[in-house]
Amino acid sequence: MLTANDLLNHKITRTLPHVIDTILLGAAIFLTILIQHYPGQSHWLSVKVIALLFYIGFGTIALKRGKTMKQRILALILAWLTFAFIVSVAVYHHPAGIFVLAS
């Protein structure tokens, strides 16, 4: 996207993000059922799922929906930061993720 590569319009690069997002959401639902956690409880898994939705939104703006290059770059950076936060929530099993270290 940053280099305006022709691969951005290739069938695989147009469909693969949807496949990955579907797998991630499916895994989140499966994990929710597996550990018997349901939305609305204050729990690290709820934070991960909500952050995953933000990650998907930022990704679509970065790859397709951003009108300007500035918007796309900002969305890309926000997607990276959101991904890092999701990983930290998974590692610490705490809704604050990496920010739990600050307290």
Protein backbone atom coordinates (compact mmCIF):
# COMPACT_ATOMS: atom_id res chain seq x y z
CA MET A 1 0.00 0.00 0.00
CA LEU A 2 2.80 2.41 0.85
CA THR A 3 4.58 1.78 -2.46
CA ALA A 4 1.40 1.58 -4.59
CA ASN A 5 2.36 -1.96 -5.59
CA ASP A 6 0.24 -3.73 -8.19
CA LEU A 7 0.00 -6.74 -5.86
CA LEU A 8 -2.50 -4.74 -3.80
CA ASN A 9 -5.08 -5.49 -6.50
CA HIS A 10 -4.20 -9.19 -6.79
CA LYS A 11 -6.97 -11.63 -5.89
CA ILE A 12 -4.97 -13.22 -3.05
CA THR A 13 -4.14 -9.91 -1.37
CA ARG A 14 -7.76 -8.84 -1.65
CA THR A 15 -9.17 -12.03 -0.09
CA LEU A 16 -6.47 -13.15 2.38
CA PRO A 17 -7.13 -10.38 4.94
CA HIS A 18 -10.78 -11.45 5.10
CA VAL A 19 -9.77 -15.06 5.65
CA ILE A 20 -7.33 -14.08 8.42
CA ASP A 21 -9.89 -11.82 10.11
CA THR A 22 -12.50 -14.60 9.97
CA ILE A 23 -10.05 -17.07 11.53
CA LEU A 24 -9.16 -14.59 14.29
CA LEU A 25 -12.83 -13.90 15.10
CA GLY A 26 -13.62 -17.62 14.97
CA ALA A 27 -10.76 -18.36 17.35
CA ALA A 28 -12.01 -15.65 19.71
CA ILE A 29 -15.50 -17.16 19.72
CA PHE A 30 -14.08 -20.66 20.23
CA LEU A 31 -11.90 -19.48 23.12
CA THR A 32 -14.86 -17.68 24.68
CA ILE A 33 -16.87 -20.90 24.62
CA LEU A 34 -13.92 -23.02 25.74
CA ILE A 35 -13.24 -21.01 28.91
CA GLN A 36 -16.96 -20.28 29.42
CA HIS A 37 -16.56 -16.53 29.28
CA TYR A 38 -19.39 -14.41 28.01
CA PRO A 39 -19.45 -10.76 26.86
CA GLY A 40 -20.21 -8.20 29.51
CA GLN A 41 -17.95 -9.68 32.17
CA SER A 42 -14.88 -7.66 33.04
CA HIS A 43 -12.33 -9.96 31.50
CA TRP A 44 -9.20 -9.85 29.37
CA LEU A 45 -10.84 -11.83 26.59
CA SER A 46 -13.55 -9.20 26.07
CA VAL A 47 -10.85 -6.55 25.71
CA LYS A 48 -9.03 -8.71 23.15
CA VAL A 49 -12.17 -9.18 21.05
CA ILE A 50 -13.00 -5.47 21.10
CA ALA A 51 -9.39 -4.59 20.22
CA LEU A 52 -9.53 -7.16 17.41
CA LEU A 53 -12.52 -5.33 15.92
CA PHE A 54 -10.56 -2.07 16.06
CA TYR A 55 -7.58 -3.82 14.44
CA ILE A 56 -9.79 -5.03 11.59
CA GLY A 57 -11.24 -1.54 11.16
CA PHE A 58 -7.82 0.11 11.06
CA GLY A 59 -6.61 -2.54 8.62
CA THR A 60 -9.44 -1.89 6.18
CA ILE A 61 -8.74 1.84 6.30
CA ALA A 62 -5.01 1.26 5.79
CA LEU A 63 -5.43 -1.12 2.87
CA LYS A 64 -8.54 0.09 1.10
CA ARG A 65 -10.81 2.70 2.59
CA GLY A 66 -8.36 5.50 3.42
CA LYS A 67 -8.90 8.40 1.04
CA THR A 68 -5.43 9.93 1.43
CA MET A 69 -2.00 8.43 2.00
CA LYS A 70 -1.83 10.28 5.34
CA GLN A 71 -5.03 8.55 6.52
CA ARG A 72 -3.74 5.17 5.37
CA ILE A 73 -0.39 5.57 7.13
CA LEU A 74 -2.09 6.68 10.34
CA ALA A 75 -4.45 3.69 10.16
CA LEU A 76 -1.49 1.37 9.55
CA ILE A 77 0.32 2.68 12.62
CA LEU A 78 -2.85 2.38 14.71
CA ALA A 79 -3.33 -1.20 13.45
CA TRP A 80 0.24 -2.08 14.51
CA LEU A 81 -0.25 -0.52 17.94
CA THR A 82 -3.58 -2.30 18.35
CA PHE A 83 -1.98 -5.61 17.39
CA ALA A 84 0.79 -5.05 19.96
CA PHE A 85 -1.84 -4.29 22.60
CA ILE A 86 -3.77 -7.46 21.71
CA VAL A 87 -0.59 -9.51 22.12
CA SER A 88 0.14 -7.86 25.49
CA VAL A 89 -3.38 -8.61 26.73
CA ALA A 90 -2.90 -12.24 25.68
CA VAL A 91 0.49 -12.48 27.38
CA TYR A 92 -0.56 -10.88 30.68
CA HIS A 93 -4.17 -12.19 30.73
CA HIS A 94 -5.13 -8.77 32.03
CA PRO A 95 -7.46 -6.23 30.39
CA ALA A 96 -4.82 -3.51 30.68
CA GLY A 97 -2.23 -5.56 28.77
CA ILE A 98 1.19 -3.94 28.78
CA PHE A 99 -0.20 -1.03 30.79
CA VAL A 100 -0.56 -3.32 33.82
CA LEU A 101 3.18 -2.84 34.31
CA ALA A 102 2.66 0.90 34.87
CA SER A 103 0.47 0.31 37.92
